[in-house]
C-alpha atoms as a PDB file:
ATOM      1  CA  VAL A   1     -31.806  12.781 -13.658  1.00  0.00           C
ATOM      2  CA  GLU A   2     -29.587  12.196 -16.679  1.00  0.00           C
ATOM      3  CA  SER A   3     -28.358  15.810 -16.573  1.00  0.00           C
ATOM      4  CA  LEU A   4     -27.682  15.630 -12.826  1.00  0.00           C
ATOM      5  CA  LYS A   5     -25.658  12.434 -13.174  1.00  0.00           C
ATOM      6  CA  LYS A   6     -23.682  13.966 -16.028  1.00  0.00           C
ATOM      7  CA  ALA A   7     -22.947  16.976 -13.801  1.00  0.00           C
ATOM      8  CA  GLN A   8     -21.757  14.604 -11.053  1.00  0.00           C
ATOM      9  CA  LYS A   9     -19.219  13.055 -13.434  1.00  0.00           C
ATOM     10  CA  LEU A  10     -18.012  16.493 -14.552  1.00  0.00           C
ATOM     11  CA  LEU A  11     -17.488  17.559 -10.937  1.00  0.00           C
ATOM     12  CA  LYS A  12     -15.473  14.407 -10.252  1.00  0.00           C
ATOM     13  CA  THR A  13     -13.294  15.170 -13.292  1.00  0.00           C
ATOM     14  CA  TYR A  14     -12.859  18.757 -12.117  1.00  0.00           C
ATOM     15  CA  ARG A  15     -11.873  17.574  -8.613  1.00  0.00           C
ATOM     16  CA  GLN A  16      -9.180  15.340 -10.083  1.00  0.00           C
ATOM     17  CA  ALA A  17      -7.944  18.163 -12.336  1.00  0.00           C
ATOM     18  CA  VAL A  18      -7.610  20.506  -9.325  1.00  0.00           C
ATOM     19  CA  LEU A  19      -5.481  17.971  -7.437  1.00  0.00           C
ATOM     20  CA  LYS A  20      -3.353  17.221 -10.510  1.00  0.00           C
ATOM     21  CA  ASP A  21      -2.624  20.925 -11.087  1.00  0.00           C
ATOM     22  CA  ALA A  22      -1.943  21.452  -7.371  1.00  0.00           C
ATOM     23  CA  PHE A  23       0.874  18.899  -7.236  1.00  0.00           C
ATOM     24  CA  GLU A  24       2.446  20.034 -10.474  1.00  0.00           C
ATOM     25  CA  GLY A  25       2.758  23.571  -9.070  1.00  0.00           C
ATOM     26  CA  LYS A  26       0.197  25.147 -11.410  1.00  0.00           C
ATOM     27  CA  LEU A  27      -2.224  26.433  -8.751  1.00  0.00           C
ATOM     28  CA  THR A  28       0.501  28.430  -7.013  1.00  0.00           C
ATOM     29  CA  ALA A  29       2.478  29.611 -10.052  1.00  0.00           C
ATOM     30  CA  ALA A  30       1.330  33.241  -9.656  1.00  0.00           C
ATOM     31  CA  TRP A  31       1.920  33.150  -5.889  1.00  0.00           C
ATOM     32  CA  ARG A  32       5.438  31.781  -6.385  1.00  0.00           C
ATOM     33  CA  GLY A  33       6.236  34.573  -8.807  1.00  0.00           C
ATOM     34  CA  GLN A  34       5.452  37.157  -6.106  1.00  0.00           C
ATOM     35  CA  GLN A  35       7.795  35.618  -3.507  1.00  0.00           C
ATOM     36  CA  THR A  36      11.359  36.820  -3.058  1.00  0.00           C
ATOM     37  CA  ASP A  37      12.768  34.461  -0.431  1.00  0.00           C
ATOM     38  CA  LEU A  38      11.139  31.050  -0.624  1.00  0.00           C
ATOM     39  CA  PRO A  39      12.618  28.352   1.638  1.00  0.00           C
ATOM     40  CA  THR A  40      14.106  25.443  -0.266  1.00  0.00           C
ATOM     41  CA  PRO A  41      12.838  21.865   0.072  1.00  0.00           C
ATOM     42  CA  GLU A  42      16.241  20.991   1.554  1.00  0.00           C
ATOM     43  CA  GLU A  43      15.646  23.482   4.389  1.00  0.00           C
ATOM     44  CA  LEU A  44      12.257  21.880   4.957  1.00  0.00           C
ATOM     45  CA  LEU A  45      13.846  18.430   5.086  1.00  0.00           C
ATOM     46  CA  GLU A  46      16.348  19.621   7.682  1.00  0.00           C
ATOM     47  CA  GLN A  47      13.462  20.946   9.759  1.00  0.00           C
ATOM     48  CA  ILE A  48      11.605  17.648   9.309  1.00  0.00           C
ATOM     49  CA  LYS A  49      14.700  15.683  10.328  1.00  0.00           C
ATOM     50  CA  ALA A  50      15.127  17.741  13.511  1.00  0.00           C
ATOM     51  CA  GLU A  51      11.425  17.381  14.335  1.00  0.00           C
ATOM     52  CA  ARG A  52      11.568  13.628  13.709  1.00  0.00           C
ATOM     53  CA  GLU A  53      14.551  13.177  16.022  1.00  0.00           C
ATOM     54  CA  ALA A  54      12.844  15.268  18.724  1.00  0.00           C
ATOM     55  CA  HIS A  55       9.674  13.196  18.279  1.00  0.00           C
ATOM     56  CA  GLN A  56      11.624   9.946  18.724  1.00  0.00           C
ATOM     57  CA  GLU A  57      13.325  11.297  21.863  1.00  0.00           C
ATOM     58  CA  ARG A  58       9.952  12.307  23.338  1.00  0.00           C
ATOM     59  CA  GLU A  59       8.465   8.902  22.565  1.00  0.00           C
ATOM     60  CA  LEU A  60      11.460   7.129  24.121  1.00  0.00           C
ATOM     61  CA  ALA A  61      11.313   9.291  27.269  1.00  0.00           C
ATOM     62  CA  LYS A  62       7.574   8.634  27.563  1.00  0.00           C
ATOM     63  CA  TRP A  63       8.175   4.883  27.216  1.00  0.00           C
ATOM     64  CA  LYS A  64      10.830   4.898  29.930  1.00  0.00           C
ATOM     65  CA  GLN A  65       8.429   6.654  32.309  1.00  0.00           C
ATOM     66  CA  GLU A  66       5.693   4.128  31.518  1.00  0.00           C
ATOM     67  CA  VAL A  67       8.065   1.185  32.155  1.00  0.00           C
ATOM     68  CA  GLU A  68       9.186   2.730  35.430  1.00  0.00           C
ATOM     69  CA  GLN A  69       5.568   3.184  36.552  1.00  0.00           C
ATOM     70  CA  TRP A  70       4.721  -0.342  35.398  1.00  0.00           C
ATOM     71  CA  GLU A  71       7.555  -1.789  37.500  1.00  0.00           C
ATOM     72  CA  LYS A  72       6.550   0.249  40.569  1.00  0.00           C
ATOM     73  CA  GLU A  73       3.009  -1.129  40.337  1.00  0.00           C
ATOM     74  CA  GLY A  74       4.275  -4.725  40.341  1.00  0.00           C
ATOM     75  CA  LYS A  75       4.327  -5.258  36.552  1.00  0.00           C
ATOM     76  CA  PRO A  76       0.579  -5.640  35.980  1.00  0.00           C
ATOM     77  CA  GLY A  77      -0.577  -6.628  32.480  1.00  0.00           C
ATOM     78  CA  ARG A  78       1.790  -6.375  29.545  1.00  0.00           C
ATOM     79  CA  LYS A  79       4.984  -4.338  29.514  1.00  0.00           C
ATOM     80  CA  PRO A  80       4.687  -0.987  27.683  1.00  0.00           C
ATOM     81  CA  ARG A  81       5.848  -1.373  24.093  1.00  0.00           C
ATOM     82  CA  LYS A  82       9.112   0.314  23.166  1.00  0.00           C
ATOM     83  CA  PRO A  83       8.708   2.753  20.249  1.00  0.00           C
ATOM     84  CA  ARG A  84      10.477   1.655  17.086  1.00  0.00           C
ATOM     85  CA  ASN A  85      12.774   3.882  15.091  1.00  0.00           C
ATOM     86  CA  GLN A  86      11.264   4.298  11.641  1.00  0.00           C
ATOM     87  CA  ARG A  87      13.571   2.975   8.953  1.00  0.00           C
ATOM     88  CA  ARG A  88      14.102   5.598   6.288  1.00  0.00           C
ATOM     89  CA  PRO A  89      14.017   4.665   2.581  1.00  0.00           C
ATOM     90  CA  ASP A  90      17.096   5.139   0.421  1.00  0.00           C
ATOM     91  CA  MET A  91      17.583   8.038  -1.987  1.00  0.00           C
ATOM     92  CA  ILE A  92      15.686   8.367  -5.285  1.00  0.00           C
ATOM     93  CA  SER A  93      17.580   7.464  -8.447  1.00  0.00           C
ATOM     94  CA  ASP A  94      17.967   9.975 -11.267  1.00  0.00           C
ATOM     95  CA  LYS A  95      16.248   7.480 -13.577  1.00  0.00           C
ATOM     96  CA  LYS A  96      13.201   7.425 -11.311  1.00  0.00           C
ATOM     97  CA  ILE A  97      13.051  11.242 -11.099  1.00  0.00           C
ATOM     98  CA  SER A  98      13.282  11.562 -14.893  1.00  0.00           C
ATOM     99  CA  SER A  99      10.141   9.425 -15.252  1.00  0.00           C
ATOM    100  CA  LEU A 100       8.074  11.672 -12.960  1.00  0.00           C
ATOM    101  CA  PRO A 101       6.006  14.756 -13.970  1.00  0.00           C
ATOM    102  CA  ASP A 102       7.844  18.070 -14.179  1.00  0.00           C
ATOM    103  CA  ILE A 103       7.637  20.236 -11.060  1.00  0.00           C
ATOM    104  CA  PRO A 104       8.804  23.813 -10.280  1.00  0.00           C
ATOM    105  CA  GLU A 105      12.559  24.225  -9.818  1.00  0.00           C
ATOM    106  CA  GLN A 106      11.987  25.301  -6.191  1.00  0.00           C
ATOM    107  CA  TRP A 107      10.486  21.868  -5.434  1.00  0.00           C
ATOM    108  CA  SER A 108      12.043  18.430  -5.162  1.00  0.00           C
ATOM    109  CA  TYR A 109      10.893  14.807  -5.080  1.00  0.00           C
ATOM    110  CA  LYS A 110      11.239  12.821  -1.847  1.00  0.00           C
ATOM    111  CA  LYS A 111       9.960   9.500  -0.530  1.00  0.00           C
ATOM    112  CA  ILE A 112       7.137   9.572   2.023  1.00  0.00           C
ATOM    113  CA  GLY A 113       9.312   7.735   4.541  1.00  0.00           C
ATOM    114  CA  ASN A 114      11.745  10.651   4.536  1.00  0.00           C
ATOM    115  CA  VAL A 115       9.203  13.368   5.349  1.00  0.00           C
ATOM    116  CA  ILE A 116       6.946  11.860   8.040  1.00  0.00           C
ATOM    117  CA  ASN A 117       7.592  11.313  11.735  1.00  0.00           C
ATOM    118  CA  ALA A 118       6.053   7.876  12.141  1.00  0.00           C
ATOM    119  CA  LEU A 119       3.946   5.170  10.524  1.00  0.00           C
ATOM    120  CA  ASP A 120       2.299   2.360  12.477  1.00  0.00           C
ATOM    121  CA  GLN A 121      -0.699   0.060  12.287  1.00  0.00           C
ATOM    122  CA  GLY A 122      -3.251  -0.453  15.017  1.00  0.00           C
ATOM    123  CA  TRP A 123      -4.739  -3.310  17.000  1.00  0.00           C
ATOM    124  CA  SER A 124      -7.799  -5.448  16.232  1.00  0.00           C
ATOM    125  CA  PRO A 125      -8.884  -7.543  19.226  1.00  0.00           C
ATOM    126  CA  LYS A 126     -12.221  -9.358  19.225  1.00  0.00           C
ATOM    127  CA  CYS A 127     -14.766  -6.649  20.070  1.00  0.00           C
ATOM    128  CA  LYS A 128     -18.473  -6.418  20.720  1.00  0.00           C
ATOM    129  CA  ASN A 129     -20.499  -5.705  17.597  1.00  0.00           C
ATOM    130  CA  GLU A 130     -21.774  -2.403  18.947  1.00  0.00           C
ATOM    131  CA  ALA A 131     -20.386   1.122  18.984  1.00  0.00           C
ATOM    132  CA  ALA A 132     -18.655   2.359  22.118  1.00  0.00           C
ATOM    133  CA  SER A 133     -20.420   5.083  24.087  1.00  0.00           C
ATOM    134  CA  GLU A 134     -18.729   8.313  25.171  1.00  0.00           C
ATOM    135  CA  GLY A 135     -16.129   7.492  27.818  1.00  0.00           C
ATOM    136  CA  GLU A 136     -15.772   3.865  26.668  1.00  0.00           C
ATOM    137  CA  TRP A 137     -12.867   2.482  24.687  1.00  0.00           C
ATOM    138  CA  GLY A 138     -13.577   1.501  21.106  1.00  0.00           C
ATOM    139  CA  VAL A 139     -11.638   0.227  18.093  1.00  0.00           C
ATOM    140  CA  ILE A 140     -12.445   1.840  14.744  1.00  0.00           C
ATOM    141  CA  LYS A 141     -13.665  -0.187  11.777  1.00  0.00           C
ATOM    142  CA  THR A 142     -12.073   0.419   8.384  1.00  0.00           C
ATOM    143  CA  THR A 143     -15.371   2.010   7.329  1.00  0.00           C
ATOM    144  CA  ALA A 144     -14.471   4.887   9.664  1.00  0.00           C
ATOM    145  CA  ILE A 145     -11.942   5.870   6.981  1.00  0.00           C
ATOM    146  CA  GLN A 146     -13.520   7.418   3.894  1.00  0.00           C
ATOM    147  CA  ASP A 147     -12.017   9.589   1.127  1.00  0.00           C
ATOM    148  CA  GLY A 148     -11.005  12.713   3.052  1.00  0.00           C
ATOM    149  CA  LYS A 149     -13.472  12.006   5.899  1.00  0.00           C
ATOM    150  CA  PHE A 150     -13.194  10.337   9.316  1.00  0.00           C
ATOM    151  CA  LEU A 151     -16.374   8.791  10.763  1.00  0.00           C
ATOM    152  CA  GLU A 152     -15.696   8.269  14.473  1.00  0.00           C
ATOM    153  CA  TYR A 153     -19.035   6.521  15.079  1.00  0.00           C
ATOM    154  CA  GLU A 154     -17.841   3.597  12.905  1.00  0.00           C
ATOM    155  CA  ASN A 155     -16.249   1.652  15.770  1.00  0.00           C
ATOM    156  CA  LYS A 156     -16.657  -1.429  17.940  1.00  0.00           C
ATOM    157  CA  LYS A 157     -16.778  -1.477  21.722  1.00  0.00           C
ATOM    158  CA  LEU A 158     -13.667  -2.872  23.425  1.00  0.00           C
ATOM    159  CA  PRO A 159     -14.598  -5.535  26.029  1.00  0.00           C
ATOM    160  CA  LYS A 160     -13.886  -4.370  29.582  1.00  0.00           C
ATOM    161  CA  LYS A 161     -11.775  -7.473  30.233  1.00  0.00           C
ATOM    162  CA  LEU A 162      -9.229  -6.233  27.645  1.00  0.00           C
ATOM    163  CA  GLU A 163      -6.701  -3.575  28.568  1.00  0.00           C
ATOM    164  CA  PRO A 164      -6.740  -0.768  25.964  1.00  0.00           C
ATOM    165  CA  ARG A 165      -3.533  -0.174  24.049  1.00  0.00           C
ATOM    166  CA  GLU A 166      -3.354   3.550  24.561  1.00  0.00           C
ATOM    167  CA  ASP A 167      -0.358   3.934  22.257  1.00  0.00           C
ATOM    168  CA  HIS A 168      -2.776   3.302  19.360  1.00  0.00           C
ATOM    169  CA  GLU A 169      -5.275   5.969  20.439  1.00  0.00           C
ATOM    170  CA  ILE A 170      -6.211   8.206  17.498  1.00  0.00           C
ATOM    171  CA  LYS A 171      -5.402  11.896  17.887  1.00  0.00           C
ATOM    172  CA  GLU A 172      -6.388  15.030  16.021  1.00  0.00           C
ATOM    173  CA  GLY A 173      -3.964  15.587  13.149  1.00  0.00           C
ATOM    174  CA  ASP A 174      -3.336  11.881  12.472  1.00  0.00           C
ATOM    175  CA  ILE A 175      -3.625  10.642   8.887  1.00  0.00           C
ATOM    176  CA  LEU A 176      -5.275   7.233   8.515  1.00  0.00           C
ATOM    177  CA  ILE A 177      -5.016   5.010   5.444  1.00  0.00           C
ATOM    178  CA  THR A 178      -6.510   1.546   4.978  1.00  0.00           C
ATOM    179  CA  ARG A 179      -3.857  -1.113   4.401  1.00  0.00           C
ATOM    180  CA  ALA A 180      -5.750  -4.421   4.012  1.00  0.00           C
ATOM    181  CA  GLY A 181      -9.059  -5.589   2.587  1.00  0.00           C
ATOM    182  CA  PRO A 182     -10.806  -5.532  -0.822  1.00  0.00           C
ATOM    183  CA  ARG A 183      -8.787  -3.729  -3.516  1.00  0.00           C
ATOM    184  CA  SER A 184     -11.351  -0.924  -3.795  1.00  0.00           C
ATOM    185  CA  ARG A 185     -11.052  -0.210  -0.055  1.00  0.00           C
ATOM    186  CA  VAL A 186      -7.258  -0.380   0.337  1.00  0.00           C
ATOM    187  CA  GLY A 187      -5.479   2.968   0.124  1.00  0.00           C
ATOM    188  CA  ILE A 188      -8.488   5.035   1.289  1.00  0.00           C
ATOM    189  CA  CYS A 189      -7.104   8.003   3.203  1.00  0.00           C
ATOM    190  CA  CYS A 190      -8.358  10.716   5.552  1.00  0.00           C
ATOM    191  CA  LEU A 191      -7.089  13.341   7.970  1.00  0.00           C
ATOM    192  CA  VAL A 192      -8.521  13.214  11.497  1.00  0.00           C
ATOM    193  CA  LYS A 193      -9.684  16.790  12.078  1.00  0.00           C
ATOM    194  CA  LYS A 194     -11.728  16.022  15.176  1.00  0.00           C
ATOM    195  CA  VAL A 195     -12.038  12.887  17.294  1.00  0.00           C
ATOM    196  CA  ARG A 196     -13.501  11.851  20.636  1.00  0.00           C
ATOM    197  CA  GLU A 197     -11.269  10.330  23.304  1.00  0.00           C
ATOM    198  CA  LYS A 198     -10.608   6.595  23.692  1.00  0.00           C
ATOM    199  CA  LEU A 199     -10.742   5.511  20.058  1.00  0.00           C
ATOM    200  CA  ILE A 200      -8.059   3.038  18.960  1.00  0.00           C
ATOM    201  CA  ASN A 201      -6.770   2.508  15.438  1.00  0.00           C
ATOM    202  CA  CYS A 202      -7.448  -0.944  13.979  1.00  0.00           C
ATOM    203  CA  ASP A 203      -4.908  -3.397  12.615  1.00  0.00           C
ATOM    204  CA  LYS A 204      -6.070  -2.907   9.014  1.00  0.00           C
ATOM    205  CA  ALA A 205      -5.133   0.777   8.881  1.00  0.00           C
ATOM    206  CA  TYR A 206      -1.905   2.753   9.087  1.00  0.00           C
ATOM    207  CA  ARG A 207      -1.614   5.873  11.200  1.00  0.00           C
ATOM    208  CA  ILE A 208       0.740   8.577   9.935  1.00  0.00           C
ATOM    209  CA  LYS A 209       2.184  11.348  12.100  1.00  0.00           C
ATOM    210  CA  THR A 210       3.618  14.143   9.990  1.00  0.00           C
ATOM    211  CA  GLY A 211       5.279  16.528  12.451  1.00  0.00           C
ATOM    212  CA  ALA A 212       6.695  19.529  10.574  1.00  0.00           C
ATOM    213  CA  PHE A 213       5.272  18.314   7.259  1.00  0.00           C
ATOM    214  CA  ASN A 214       1.821  19.680   6.385  1.00  0.00           C
ATOM    215  CA  ALA A 215      -0.689  16.895   7.141  1.00  0.00           C
ATOM    216  CA  LYS A 216      -3.401  18.301   4.854  1.00  0.00           C
ATOM    217  CA  TYR A 217      -0.933  18.564   1.981  1.00  0.00           C
ATOM    218  CA  LEU A 218      -0.020  14.878   2.350  1.00  0.00           C
ATOM    219  CA  MET A 219      -3.668  13.831   2.715  1.00  0.00           C
ATOM    220  CA  TYR A 220      -4.605  15.609  -0.524  1.00  0.00           C
ATOM    221  CA  ILE A 221      -1.635  14.027  -2.330  1.00  0.00           C
ATOM    222  CA  LEU A 222      -2.728  10.556  -1.257  1.00  0.00           C
ATOM    223  CA  ASN A 223      -6.246  11.287  -2.539  1.00  0.00           C
ATOM    224  CA  SER A 224      -5.078  12.663  -5.892  1.00  0.00           C
ATOM    225  CA  PRO A 225      -5.558  10.619  -9.108  1.00  0.00           C
ATOM    226  CA  ILE A 226      -1.864  10.141  -9.931  1.00  0.00           C
ATOM    227  CA  PHE A 227      -1.037   8.789  -6.479  1.00  0.00           C
ATOM    228  CA  ASN A 228      -4.170   6.659  -6.402  1.00  0.00           C
ATOM    229  CA  ARG A 229      -2.712   4.918  -9.459  1.00  0.00           C
ATOM    230  CA  VAL A 230       0.643   4.526  -7.691  1.00  0.00           C
ATOM    231  CA  LEU A 231      -1.064   3.068  -4.616  1.00  0.00           C
ATOM    232  CA  ASP A 232      -3.012   0.646  -6.786  1.00  0.00           C
ATOM    233  CA  GLU A 233       0.188  -0.564  -8.449  1.00  0.00           C
ATOM    234  CA  ILE A 234       1.944  -1.379  -5.166  1.00  0.00           C
ATOM    235  CA  LYS A 235      -0.937  -3.308  -3.579  1.00  0.00           C
ATOM    236  CA  SER A 236      -0.103  -6.975  -3.191  1.00  0.00           C
ATOM    237  CA  GLY A 237      -2.457  -9.953  -3.085  1.00  0.00           C
ATOM    238  CA  ILE A 238      -3.717 -12.957  -5.011  1.00  0.00           C
ATOM    239  CA  ASN A 239      -7.136 -11.523  -5.884  1.00  0.00           C
ATOM    240  CA  ASP A 240      -9.106  -8.282  -5.577  1.00  0.00           C
ATOM    241  CA  SER A 241     -11.085  -9.512  -2.573  1.00  0.00           C
ATOM    242  CA  GLY A 242      -8.045  -9.340  -0.307  1.00  0.00           C
ATOM    243  CA  VAL A 243      -4.974  -7.173  -0.951  1.00  0.00           C
ATOM    244  CA  ASN A 244      -2.342  -5.496   1.224  1.00  0.00           C
ATOM    245  CA  LEU A 245      -0.384  -2.274   1.242  1.00  0.00           C
ATOM    246  CA  THR A 246       2.957  -3.002   2.920  1.00  0.00           C
ATOM    247  CA  GLN A 247       4.828  -0.443   5.007  1.00  0.00           C
ATOM    248  CA  THR A 248       7.979  -0.875   2.939  1.00  0.00           C
ATOM    249  CA  ALA A 249       6.190  -0.161  -0.345  1.00  0.00           C
ATOM    250  CA  PHE A 250       4.179   2.727   1.081  1.00  0.00           C
ATOM    251  CA  LEU A 251       7.189   4.511   2.587  1.00  0.00           C
ATOM    252  CA  LYS A 252       8.943   4.370  -0.796  1.00  0.00           C
ATOM    253  CA  ILE A 253       6.199   6.302  -2.622  1.00  0.00           C
ATOM    254  CA  VAL A 254       7.741   9.425  -4.171  1.00  0.00           C
ATOM    255  CA  ILE A 255       5.923  12.749  -3.734  1.00  0.00           C
ATOM    256  CA  PRO A 256       6.660  16.382  -4.779  1.00  0.00           C
ATOM    257  CA  ILE A 257       7.872  18.598  -1.939  1.00  0.00           C
ATOM    258  CA  PRO A 258       7.568  22.421  -1.969  1.00  0.00           C
ATOM    259  CA  GLY A 259       8.530  24.612   1.001  1.00  0.00           C
ATOM    260  CA  VAL A 260       6.327  24.967   4.100  1.00  0.00           C
ATOM    261  CA  ASP A 261       4.721  28.265   3.021  1.00  0.00           C
ATOM    262  CA  GLU A 262       3.847  26.928  -0.407  1.00  0.00           C
ATOM    263  CA  GLN A 263       2.382  23.761   1.100  1.00  0.00           C
ATOM    264  CA  LYS A 264      -0.046  25.972   3.055  1.00  0.00           C
ATOM    265  CA  GLU A 265      -0.838  28.017  -0.049  1.00  0.00           C
ATOM    266  CA  ILE A 266      -1.514  24.862  -2.075  1.00  0.00           C
ATOM    267  CA  VAL A 267      -3.891  23.569   0.609  1.00  0.00           C
ATOM    268  CA  ASN A 268      -5.718  26.929   0.598  1.00  0.00           C
ATOM    269  CA  GLU A 269      -6.046  26.873  -3.208  1.00  0.00           C
ATOM    270  CA  ILE A 270      -7.339  23.289  -3.190  1.00  0.00           C
ATOM    271  CA  GLU A 271      -9.879  23.908  -0.435  1.00  0.00           C
ATOM    272  CA  SER A 272     -11.195  27.138  -1.944  1.00  0.00           C
ATOM    273  CA  ARG A 273     -12.013  25.227  -5.140  1.00  0.00           C
ATOM    274  CA  LEU A 274     -13.208  21.971  -3.624  1.00  0.00           C
ATOM    275  CA  SER A 275     -15.520  23.717  -1.152  1.00  0.00           C
ATOM    276  CA  VAL A 276     -17.535  24.927  -4.155  1.00  0.00           C
ATOM    277  CA  VAL A 277     -17.468  21.404  -5.630  1.00  0.00           C
ATOM    278  CA  ASP A 278     -18.643  19.919  -2.315  1.00  0.00           C
ATOM    279  CA  GLN A 279     -21.602  22.297  -2.206  1.00  0.00           C
ATOM    280  CA  LEU A 280     -22.556  21.559  -5.811  1.00  0.00           C
ATOM    281  CA  GLU A 281     -22.310  17.803  -5.194  1.00  0.00           C
ATOM    282  CA  LEU A 282     -24.574  18.157  -2.168  1.00  0.00           C
ATOM    283  CA  THR A 283     -27.133  20.118  -4.214  1.00  0.00           C
ATOM    284  CA  ILE A 284     -27.036  17.523  -7.000  1.00  0.00           C
ATOM    285  CA  GLN A 285     -27.497  14.672  -4.513  1.00  0.00           C
ATOM    286  CA  GLU A 286     -30.477  16.424  -2.930  1.00  0.00           C
ATOM    287  CA  ASN A 287     -32.065  16.930  -6.351  1.00  0.00           C
ATOM    288  CA  LEU A 288     -31.468  13.289  -7.304  1.00  0.00           C
ATOM    289  CA  GLN A 289     -33.245  12.233  -4.109  1.00  0.00           C
ATOM    290  CA  LYS A 290     -36.147  14.557  -4.950  1.00  0.00           C
ATOM    291  CA  ALA A 291     -36.301  13.130  -8.475  1.00  0.00           C
ATOM    292  CA  GLU A 292     -36.410   9.576  -7.117  1.00  0.00           C
ATOM    293  CA  ALA A 293     -39.177  10.545  -4.672  1.00  0.00           C
ATOM    294  CA  LEU A 294     -41.115  12.114  -7.565  1.00  0.00           C
ATOM    295  CA  ARG A 295     -40.628   8.964  -9.682  1.00  0.00           C
ATOM    296  CA  GLN A 296     -42.045   6.795  -6.876  1.00  0.00           C
ATOM    297  CA  SER A 297     -44.929   9.213  -6.390  1.00  0.00           C
ATOM    298  CA  ILE A 298     -45.791   9.084 -10.111  1.00  0.00           C
ATOM    299  CA  LEU A 299     -45.727   5.275 -10.133  1.00  0.00           C
ATOM    300  CA  LYS A 300     -47.854   5.094  -7.012  1.00  0.00           C
ATOM    301  CA  LYS A 301     -50.471   7.409  -8.522  1.00  0.00           C
ATOM    302  CA  ALA A 302     -50.349   5.557 -11.837  1.00  0.00           C
ATOM    303  CA  PHE A 303     -51.225   2.217 -10.283  1.00  0.00           C
ATOM    304  CA  SER A 304     -53.860   3.660  -7.984  1.00  0.00           C
ATOM    305  CA  GLY A 305     -55.672   5.366 -10.879  1.00  0.00           C
ATOM    306  CA  GLU A 306     -54.887   8.911  -9.747  1.00  0.00           C
ATOM    307  CA  LEU A 307     -53.111  10.006 -12.936  1.00  0.00           C
ATOM    308  CA  VAL A 308     -56.271   9.808 -15.063  1.00  0.00           C
ATOM    309  CA  SER A 309     -59.216  12.032 -14.105  1.00  0.00           C
ATOM    310  CA  ASN A 310     -62.738  10.626 -13.663  1.00  0.00           C
ATOM    311  CA  GLU A 311     -63.963  12.867 -16.507  1.00  0.00           C
ATOM    312  CA  LYS A 312     -61.507  11.274 -18.944  1.00  0.00           C
ATOM    313  CA  LEU A 313     -62.511   7.795 -17.841  1.00  0.00           C
ATOM    314  CA  ARG A 314     -66.192   8.582 -18.348  1.00  0.00           C
ATOM    315  CA  ALA A 315     -65.478  10.105 -21.771  1.00  0.00           C
ATOM    316  CA  LYS A 316     -63.634   6.958 -22.811  1.00  0.00           C
ATOM    317  CA  LYS A 317     -66.539   4.756 -21.693  1.00  0.00           C
ATOM    318  CA  ASN A 318     -69.192   6.997 -23.384  1.00  0.00           C
ATOM    319  CA  PRO A 319     -67.581   8.508 -26.512  1.00  0.00           C
ATOM    320  CA  ALA A 320     -70.968   9.828 -27.813  1.00  0.00           C
ATOM    321  CA  SER A 321     -71.348  12.030 -24.779  1.00  0.00           C
END
C-alpha cells in the first residue's frame, strides 16, 4: 500500500511536469524544428477575431428570429435575451510579459478574453432534488464539473412549471469552469466531449465557447499547475468556504499562444503521455482496493479465530504432547 501511494504521488508530479513542458514549448521543440512555414500567433488572432465577429452576428440574427417568433405568438413568457458583446481586455504590458516564463519566439502571450468567442454563466432555479431523465430538462450541479471530466448525470430535474432557458443549454465542445463555492472547488475545469440534450449550465459555472481557438488546448492550460496557481490568486472572498472567480479577472488571465497546427500537436503530445498515466493510475487504484479488501479479510479471520490452526491451539494447550 505504501509503495502504491508513493507511485500515485509520482504520477501526479509527472502529470504536472508534462503540462508545464507543454506550455513552455518543450514537448513540440523537435516538431517545430521540422516546420518551414508555421503560422504566426498574429495570424491566429486575426482568424479568431473574424470567427468571433461571425459568431456574434449569428447570435444576434438568431435572437432577432426568436423575438419575432415570440411577438407572433402573443409574447408568451419572458422575452428572449439579447446576446451581449463580450468586452475584450486591454493589451498586456511589457512589464507583465517580462515576468512570465520564456516561450518559443513563434509564440506570443495573450489574455483569455482576446482568444475566446464567449463567456457566460448559467441559471440556477429551484429544482427537484433528483436527476432528470432522458428527454427532461435538467440543470447541472457543480459536481458535474471535475478535473478534465464532465459528469452529465450530476444534475437536478427542472420543474415542469418553469420554462427552460435554452440559451444556457450545454453543447459538445463547451468548456465549463466552476466560478463560485469552496476555494478547493472554484476553478475546476473540463471540456464537454459528449452530452445528452436538455442539460442547462448552472449559475455557479462559466461556459466558454472557443471558436477558432483549440478548446482542448485551453482546457489543458486551465488544468496545468502554473495556471492553477494564477486562478487561486485571483479568487475573491472572505474565507475559503465561499470564494468567487469574477469574469473580469478570468478574462485577463494571460496564456501562451502558438499557431493552430502547433496547438493540435501539443494536445496530441499531452494526450499520448497522459493516456499512459491514466491507465497506470487506474491500475494503482484497483490494487489499492484489492489491498483494502485483503486487509479487511485478514482482520475478519483474525477475530473469528481462522488465522490460527486448531493444531497450533491444541499444541499451546498441551505443550507436553
